[in-house]
């Protein structure tokens, strides 16, 4: 997965149920880890934790930070 595809995938996280969103985040996390983008991996992990905790504000903040 190319960085632009990762960003596009994360930017499209408004649709779908929680399980599919988490699956897409897991895919992006894995792709970023394989690229050595540890800072982005940490932001995605934060987004996944916020998603599981139903903290939508923190979720969006982490996703925005990951794609910026």
Protein backbone atom coordinates (compact mmCIF):
# COMPACT_ATOMS: atom_id res chain seq x y z
CA UNK A 1 0.00 0.00 0.00
CA UNK A 2 1.40 3.38 -1.00
CA UNK A 3 1.34 6.37 1.40
CA UNK A 4 -1.26 8.16 -0.74
CA UNK A 5 -3.51 5.08 -0.55
CA UNK A 6 -3.11 4.97 3.23
CA UNK A 7 -4.12 8.63 3.49
CA UNK A 8 -7.10 8.14 1.19
CA UNK A 9 -8.21 5.14 3.23
CA UNK A 10 -7.97 7.06 6.51
CA UNK A 11 -9.76 10.08 5.07
CA UNK A 12 -12.70 7.87 4.08
CA UNK A 13 -13.29 6.58 7.61
CA UNK A 14 -16.66 8.27 8.01
CA UNK A 15 -18.61 5.40 6.46
CA UNK A 16 -19.27 1.87 7.60
CA UNK A 17 -19.73 0.13 10.89
CA UNK A 18 -17.25 0.11 13.74
CA UNK A 19 -15.78 -3.27 12.86
CA UNK A 20 -15.03 -2.28 9.29
CA UNK A 21 -13.55 1.02 10.43
CA UNK A 22 -11.32 -0.81 12.90
CA UNK A 23 -10.31 -3.27 10.18
CA UNK A 24 -9.34 -0.40 7.87
CA UNK A 25 -7.36 1.22 10.66
CA UNK A 26 -5.60 -2.09 11.34
CA UNK A 27 -4.70 -2.35 7.65
CA UNK A 28 -3.36 1.21 7.61
CA UNK A 29 -1.44 0.56 10.84
CA UNK A 30 0.21 -2.50 9.34
CA UNK A 31 1.06 -0.68 6.12
CA UNK A 32 2.57 2.25 7.99
CA UNK A 33 4.56 -0.10 10.22
CA UNK A 34 6.01 -1.80 7.15
CA UNK A 35 7.03 1.64 5.84
CA UNK A 36 8.73 2.45 9.15
CA UNK A 37 6.34 5.33 9.88
CA UNK A 38 6.28 4.74 13.63
CA UNK A 39 4.80 8.16 14.45
CA UNK A 40 1.83 7.48 12.17
CA UNK A 41 1.45 3.98 13.63
CA UNK A 42 1.13 5.51 17.12
CA UNK A 43 -1.51 7.97 15.90
CA UNK A 44 -3.48 5.17 14.26
CA UNK A 45 -3.28 3.13 17.46
CA UNK A 46 -4.65 6.14 19.31
CA UNK A 47 -7.51 6.34 16.82
CA UNK A 48 -8.29 2.65 17.31
CA UNK A 49 -8.32 3.06 21.10
CA UNK A 50 -10.61 6.09 20.81
CA UNK A 51 -12.91 4.16 18.48
CA UNK A 52 -13.17 1.29 20.95
CA UNK A 53 -13.90 3.78 23.73
CA UNK A 54 -16.54 5.59 21.64
CA UNK A 55 -14.60 8.85 21.96
CA UNK A 56 -15.43 10.36 18.60
CA UNK A 57 -13.61 13.61 19.25
CA UNK A 58 -10.33 11.84 20.08
CA UNK A 59 -10.87 9.40 17.21
CA UNK A 60 -11.14 12.20 14.65
CA UNK A 61 -8.20 14.05 16.21
CA UNK A 62 -5.97 10.97 15.88
CA UNK A 63 -7.08 10.28 12.31
CA UNK A 64 -6.48 13.91 11.31
CA UNK A 65 -3.03 13.79 12.92
CA UNK A 66 -2.20 10.57 11.08
CA UNK A 67 -3.01 12.01 7.67
CA UNK A 68 -1.36 15.39 8.18
